[in-house]
N, C-alpha and C. Protein backbone atom coordinates (compact mmCIF):
# COMPACT_ATOMS: atom_id res chain seq x y z
N MET A 1 -8.73 -25.17 -29.59
CA MET A 1 -7.58 -24.98 -28.73
C MET A 1 -7.51 -26.10 -27.70
N ASN A 2 -6.29 -26.51 -27.40
CA ASN A 2 -6.16 -27.54 -26.38
C ASN A 2 -5.79 -26.91 -25.04
N ASN A 3 -5.75 -27.74 -24.02
CA ASN A 3 -5.49 -27.25 -22.67
C ASN A 3 -4.13 -26.60 -22.54
N ASP A 4 -3.12 -27.14 -23.23
CA ASP A 4 -1.77 -26.59 -23.15
C ASP A 4 -1.73 -25.16 -23.72
N GLU A 5 -2.40 -24.95 -24.84
CA GLU A 5 -2.46 -23.61 -25.44
C GLU A 5 -3.24 -22.65 -24.56
N ASP A 6 -4.34 -23.12 -23.99
CA ASP A 6 -5.13 -22.30 -23.08
C ASP A 6 -4.31 -21.87 -21.87
N TYR A 7 -3.56 -22.81 -21.34
CA TYR A 7 -2.71 -22.53 -20.18
C TYR A 7 -1.66 -21.49 -20.52
N LYS A 8 -1.00 -21.65 -21.65
CA LYS A 8 0.03 -20.69 -22.07
C LYS A 8 -0.56 -19.31 -22.28
N GLU A 9 -1.74 -19.25 -22.84
CA GLU A 9 -2.41 -17.96 -23.05
C GLU A 9 -2.77 -17.32 -21.71
N LEU A 10 -3.26 -18.13 -20.78
CA LEU A 10 -3.60 -17.63 -19.45
C LEU A 10 -2.36 -17.08 -18.75
N VAL A 11 -1.27 -17.82 -18.81
CA VAL A 11 -0.01 -17.37 -18.18
C VAL A 11 0.46 -16.07 -18.82
N SER A 12 0.36 -15.97 -20.11
CA SER A 12 0.76 -14.76 -20.82
C SER A 12 -0.11 -13.57 -20.40
N ASP A 13 -1.41 -13.80 -20.29
CA ASP A 13 -2.32 -12.73 -19.86
C ASP A 13 -2.00 -12.26 -18.45
N ILE A 14 -1.75 -13.20 -17.57
CA ILE A 14 -1.41 -12.87 -16.18
C ILE A 14 -0.10 -12.09 -16.12
N ARG A 15 0.87 -12.50 -16.91
CA ARG A 15 2.16 -11.82 -16.96
C ARG A 15 1.97 -10.36 -17.41
N GLN A 16 1.15 -10.16 -18.42
CA GLN A 16 0.89 -8.81 -18.93
C GLN A 16 0.22 -7.95 -17.87
N ILE A 17 -0.73 -8.52 -17.15
CA ILE A 17 -1.40 -7.78 -16.07
C ILE A 17 -0.39 -7.40 -14.99
N ALA A 18 0.45 -8.34 -14.61
CA ALA A 18 1.47 -8.08 -13.58
C ALA A 18 2.44 -6.99 -14.03
N GLU A 19 2.82 -7.02 -15.30
CA GLU A 19 3.73 -5.99 -15.82
C GLU A 19 3.07 -4.62 -15.80
N ARG A 20 1.78 -4.57 -16.14
CA ARG A 20 1.07 -3.28 -16.10
C ARG A 20 0.93 -2.77 -14.67
N MET A 21 0.67 -3.70 -13.75
CA MET A 21 0.57 -3.29 -12.34
C MET A 21 1.90 -2.75 -11.84
N GLU A 22 2.98 -3.40 -12.21
CA GLU A 22 4.31 -2.93 -11.79
C GLU A 22 4.60 -1.56 -12.38
N ALA A 23 4.25 -1.36 -13.65
CA ALA A 23 4.46 -0.05 -14.28
C ALA A 23 3.63 1.03 -13.57
N LEU A 24 2.41 0.68 -13.20
CA LEU A 24 1.55 1.63 -12.49
C LEU A 24 2.14 1.96 -11.12
N ASN A 25 2.67 0.96 -10.44
CA ASN A 25 3.32 1.21 -9.14
C ASN A 25 4.52 2.13 -9.29
N ARG A 26 5.34 1.91 -10.33
CA ARG A 26 6.51 2.77 -10.54
C ARG A 26 6.07 4.20 -10.86
N GLN A 27 5.00 4.35 -11.64
CA GLN A 27 4.47 5.68 -11.95
C GLN A 27 3.98 6.36 -10.68
N ALA A 28 3.29 5.61 -9.84
CA ALA A 28 2.81 6.17 -8.56
C ALA A 28 3.98 6.61 -7.70
N GLU A 29 5.03 5.80 -7.68
CA GLU A 29 6.22 6.15 -6.90
C GLU A 29 6.83 7.46 -7.42
N LEU A 30 6.92 7.59 -8.73
CA LEU A 30 7.47 8.82 -9.32
C LEU A 30 6.60 10.03 -9.01
N GLU A 31 5.31 9.83 -8.98
CA GLU A 31 4.39 10.95 -8.71
C GLU A 31 4.37 11.34 -7.23
N TYR A 32 4.34 10.33 -6.37
CA TYR A 32 4.16 10.60 -4.94
C TYR A 32 5.44 10.98 -4.21
N THR A 33 6.59 10.50 -4.65
CA THR A 33 7.84 10.79 -3.93
C THR A 33 8.09 12.29 -3.77
N PRO A 34 8.03 13.08 -4.83
CA PRO A 34 8.27 14.52 -4.62
C PRO A 34 7.19 15.19 -3.78
N LEU A 35 5.97 14.70 -3.84
CA LEU A 35 4.89 15.29 -3.04
C LEU A 35 5.12 15.03 -1.55
N VAL A 36 5.47 13.79 -1.21
CA VAL A 36 5.75 13.45 0.18
C VAL A 36 6.96 14.23 0.68
N ASN A 37 8.02 14.25 -0.11
CA ASN A 37 9.23 14.98 0.29
C ASN A 37 8.95 16.47 0.47
N SER A 38 8.12 17.01 -0.38
CA SER A 38 7.77 18.43 -0.28
C SER A 38 7.04 18.74 1.03
N VAL A 39 6.08 17.91 1.37
CA VAL A 39 5.35 18.11 2.63
C VAL A 39 6.30 18.13 3.81
N ILE A 40 7.22 17.18 3.80
CA ILE A 40 8.16 17.06 4.93
C ILE A 40 9.16 18.22 4.92
N GLN A 41 9.69 18.57 3.76
CA GLN A 41 10.66 19.66 3.68
C GLN A 41 10.04 21.00 4.06
N ARG A 42 8.79 21.21 3.65
CA ARG A 42 8.10 22.46 3.98
C ARG A 42 7.58 22.48 5.42
N LYS A 43 7.68 21.32 6.08
CA LYS A 43 7.14 21.17 7.43
C LYS A 43 5.65 21.52 7.47
N SER A 44 4.95 21.05 6.43
CA SER A 44 3.52 21.32 6.32
C SER A 44 2.77 20.66 7.47
N LYS A 45 1.81 21.38 7.99
CA LYS A 45 0.93 20.85 9.03
C LYS A 45 -0.50 20.75 8.51
N ASP A 46 -0.65 20.88 7.22
CA ASP A 46 -1.96 20.85 6.58
C ASP A 46 -2.50 19.41 6.56
N SER A 47 -3.39 19.11 7.49
CA SER A 47 -3.93 17.76 7.62
C SER A 47 -4.62 17.29 6.36
N HIS A 48 -5.32 18.18 5.68
CA HIS A 48 -6.02 17.78 4.45
C HIS A 48 -5.02 17.35 3.38
N GLU A 49 -3.96 18.11 3.22
CA GLU A 49 -2.94 17.76 2.23
C GLU A 49 -2.29 16.42 2.57
N ILE A 50 -1.92 16.27 3.83
CA ILE A 50 -1.23 15.05 4.25
C ILE A 50 -2.15 13.84 4.13
N GLU A 51 -3.38 13.97 4.55
CA GLU A 51 -4.31 12.85 4.49
C GLU A 51 -4.69 12.50 3.05
N ARG A 52 -4.74 13.48 2.17
CA ARG A 52 -4.97 13.19 0.75
C ARG A 52 -3.84 12.33 0.20
N LEU A 53 -2.61 12.68 0.57
CA LEU A 53 -1.46 11.89 0.14
C LEU A 53 -1.51 10.48 0.73
N LEU A 54 -1.82 10.38 2.01
CA LEU A 54 -1.91 9.06 2.63
C LEU A 54 -3.00 8.21 1.97
N ASP A 55 -4.12 8.83 1.66
CA ASP A 55 -5.21 8.10 0.98
C ASP A 55 -4.73 7.57 -0.37
N GLY A 56 -4.04 8.39 -1.12
CA GLY A 56 -3.55 7.96 -2.42
C GLY A 56 -2.48 6.90 -2.31
N LEU A 57 -1.56 7.07 -1.38
CA LEU A 57 -0.49 6.09 -1.18
C LEU A 57 -1.05 4.74 -0.74
N LEU A 58 -2.11 4.78 0.05
CA LEU A 58 -2.70 3.55 0.56
C LEU A 58 -3.15 2.64 -0.58
N ASP A 59 -3.61 3.22 -1.66
CA ASP A 59 -4.05 2.41 -2.81
C ASP A 59 -2.92 1.59 -3.41
N PHE A 60 -1.68 2.03 -3.22
CA PHE A 60 -0.52 1.37 -3.82
C PHE A 60 0.40 0.73 -2.78
N ALA A 61 -0.03 0.69 -1.53
CA ALA A 61 0.84 0.27 -0.42
C ALA A 61 1.19 -1.21 -0.42
N CYS A 62 0.70 -1.95 -1.40
CA CYS A 62 1.13 -3.35 -1.54
C CYS A 62 2.54 -3.41 -2.12
N ASP A 63 3.00 -2.29 -2.66
CA ASP A 63 4.33 -2.17 -3.24
C ASP A 63 5.30 -1.66 -2.17
N LYS A 64 6.46 -2.29 -2.06
CA LYS A 64 7.40 -1.94 -0.98
C LYS A 64 7.87 -0.50 -1.04
N GLN A 65 8.15 0.03 -2.23
CA GLN A 65 8.63 1.40 -2.33
C GLN A 65 7.52 2.38 -1.91
N ILE A 66 6.31 2.10 -2.33
CA ILE A 66 5.19 2.97 -1.94
C ILE A 66 4.93 2.83 -0.44
N LEU A 67 5.01 1.61 0.06
CA LEU A 67 4.83 1.41 1.50
C LEU A 67 5.86 2.19 2.29
N ASN A 68 7.09 2.26 1.79
CA ASN A 68 8.11 3.06 2.47
C ASN A 68 7.73 4.54 2.50
N LEU A 69 7.17 5.05 1.40
CA LEU A 69 6.70 6.44 1.38
C LEU A 69 5.55 6.63 2.37
N TYR A 70 4.65 5.67 2.40
CA TYR A 70 3.50 5.72 3.32
C TYR A 70 4.00 5.78 4.77
N ARG A 71 4.94 4.91 5.09
CA ARG A 71 5.50 4.89 6.45
C ARG A 71 6.22 6.20 6.77
N LYS A 72 6.96 6.70 5.82
CA LYS A 72 7.70 7.96 6.01
C LYS A 72 6.73 9.09 6.33
N LEU A 73 5.64 9.16 5.58
CA LEU A 73 4.65 10.22 5.81
C LEU A 73 3.90 9.98 7.12
N CYS A 74 3.62 8.74 7.45
CA CYS A 74 2.97 8.45 8.74
C CYS A 74 3.86 8.87 9.90
N LYS A 75 5.16 8.59 9.81
CA LYS A 75 6.08 8.99 10.88
C LYS A 75 6.10 10.50 11.05
N TYR A 76 6.08 11.20 9.93
CA TYR A 76 6.06 12.66 9.97
C TYR A 76 4.74 13.15 10.58
N TYR A 77 3.63 12.59 10.11
CA TYR A 77 2.30 13.04 10.52
C TYR A 77 2.01 12.72 11.98
N TYR A 78 2.65 11.71 12.51
CA TYR A 78 2.40 11.30 13.88
C TYR A 78 2.57 12.46 14.87
N PHE A 79 3.56 13.31 14.64
CA PHE A 79 3.82 14.42 15.55
C PHE A 79 2.86 15.58 15.35
N ILE A 80 2.08 15.53 14.28
CA ILE A 80 1.07 16.55 14.01
C ILE A 80 -0.29 16.07 14.51
N ASN A 81 -0.62 14.81 14.18
CA ASN A 81 -1.93 14.27 14.54
C ASN A 81 -1.80 12.78 14.82
N PRO A 82 -1.42 12.41 16.05
CA PRO A 82 -1.18 11.00 16.36
C PRO A 82 -2.43 10.11 16.21
N GLU A 83 -3.60 10.64 16.53
CA GLU A 83 -4.82 9.84 16.43
C GLU A 83 -5.12 9.49 14.98
N SER A 84 -5.02 10.46 14.11
CA SER A 84 -5.27 10.22 12.69
C SER A 84 -4.23 9.29 12.11
N THR A 85 -2.98 9.46 12.51
CA THR A 85 -1.91 8.58 12.03
C THR A 85 -2.18 7.14 12.45
N ALA A 86 -2.61 6.94 13.67
CA ALA A 86 -2.95 5.59 14.14
C ALA A 86 -4.06 4.99 13.29
N GLN A 87 -5.02 5.81 12.91
CA GLN A 87 -6.11 5.33 12.05
C GLN A 87 -5.58 4.92 10.67
N TYR A 88 -4.62 5.66 10.15
CA TYR A 88 -4.04 5.30 8.86
C TYR A 88 -3.23 4.00 8.95
N ILE A 89 -2.63 3.74 10.08
CA ILE A 89 -1.94 2.47 10.27
C ILE A 89 -2.96 1.33 10.28
N ILE A 90 -4.08 1.55 10.93
CA ILE A 90 -5.16 0.56 10.93
C ILE A 90 -5.70 0.35 9.52
N PHE A 91 -5.88 1.45 8.78
CA PHE A 91 -6.35 1.33 7.39
C PHE A 91 -5.41 0.44 6.58
N TYR A 92 -4.11 0.66 6.76
CA TYR A 92 -3.13 -0.16 6.03
C TYR A 92 -3.29 -1.63 6.40
N LYS A 93 -3.35 -1.91 7.69
CA LYS A 93 -3.46 -3.30 8.13
C LYS A 93 -4.73 -3.95 7.60
N GLU A 94 -5.83 -3.22 7.63
CA GLU A 94 -7.09 -3.78 7.13
C GLU A 94 -7.04 -4.05 5.63
N MET A 95 -6.32 -3.23 4.91
CA MET A 95 -6.30 -3.35 3.46
C MET A 95 -5.21 -4.29 2.94
N TRP A 96 -4.04 -4.27 3.57
CA TRP A 96 -2.89 -4.96 2.98
C TRP A 96 -2.21 -5.99 3.86
N ASP A 97 -2.41 -5.99 5.14
CA ASP A 97 -1.69 -6.91 6.01
C ASP A 97 -2.37 -8.27 5.99
N GLU A 98 -1.89 -9.16 5.12
CA GLU A 98 -2.51 -10.46 4.92
C GLU A 98 -2.52 -11.31 6.18
N GLU A 99 -1.41 -11.32 6.89
CA GLU A 99 -1.35 -12.15 8.11
C GLU A 99 -2.40 -11.70 9.10
N GLU A 100 -2.51 -10.39 9.28
CA GLU A 100 -3.51 -9.83 10.19
C GLU A 100 -4.91 -10.24 9.74
N LEU A 101 -5.17 -10.15 8.45
CA LEU A 101 -6.49 -10.53 7.92
C LEU A 101 -6.78 -12.00 8.13
N LEU A 102 -5.79 -12.84 7.94
CA LEU A 102 -6.00 -14.27 8.13
C LEU A 102 -6.39 -14.58 9.57
N PHE A 103 -5.76 -13.92 10.52
CA PHE A 103 -6.11 -14.15 11.92
C PHE A 103 -7.47 -13.53 12.23
N LYS A 104 -7.71 -12.33 11.75
CA LYS A 104 -8.96 -11.62 12.02
C LYS A 104 -10.16 -12.39 11.47
N ASN A 105 -10.01 -12.99 10.31
CA ASN A 105 -11.10 -13.71 9.68
C ASN A 105 -11.22 -15.15 10.17
N GLY A 106 -10.37 -15.55 11.11
CA GLY A 106 -10.50 -16.84 11.74
C GLY A 106 -9.87 -18.00 11.00
N TYR A 107 -9.08 -17.74 9.97
CA TYR A 107 -8.47 -18.85 9.24
C TYR A 107 -7.52 -19.66 10.12
N PHE A 108 -6.91 -19.01 11.09
CA PHE A 108 -5.97 -19.69 11.98
C PHE A 108 -6.53 -19.80 13.40
N LYS A 109 -7.85 -19.77 13.50
CA LYS A 109 -8.50 -19.75 14.81
C LYS A 109 -8.06 -20.93 15.70
N ASN A 110 -7.98 -22.11 15.14
CA ASN A 110 -7.66 -23.29 15.92
C ASN A 110 -6.19 -23.66 15.89
N MET A 111 -5.38 -22.76 15.38
CA MET A 111 -3.95 -23.05 15.24
C MET A 111 -3.20 -22.46 16.42
N GLU A 112 -2.33 -23.23 17.01
CA GLU A 112 -1.53 -22.76 18.13
C GLU A 112 -0.30 -22.04 17.60
N ILE A 113 -0.07 -20.81 18.02
CA ILE A 113 1.08 -20.02 17.62
C ILE A 113 2.04 -19.95 18.79
N LYS A 114 3.27 -20.34 18.54
CA LYS A 114 4.27 -20.31 19.61
C LYS A 114 5.31 -19.28 19.35
């Protein structure tokens, strides 16, 4: 095999992985949307139920639709348990907020931000 064929195969493999990830995100959205809506409609105050959902959503929060569900549930949960909600916001930032991570890890330590 030559480099051109290797490159095309690599690109094809990456495309397939990305397509599978997108399909998984859409499946998660289909699964989690009714669960989040149910918690809110029932006005559930069950911290275990809500935190289980937040934990699951966090795994997919790199996706905008899932992130919107995560935010929706955090906004709801804030009035039930503000301290725990704040912790879930921190969890999100630690896991998915790239800009925050870049600053935290010192990549922009010597860079002036205006």
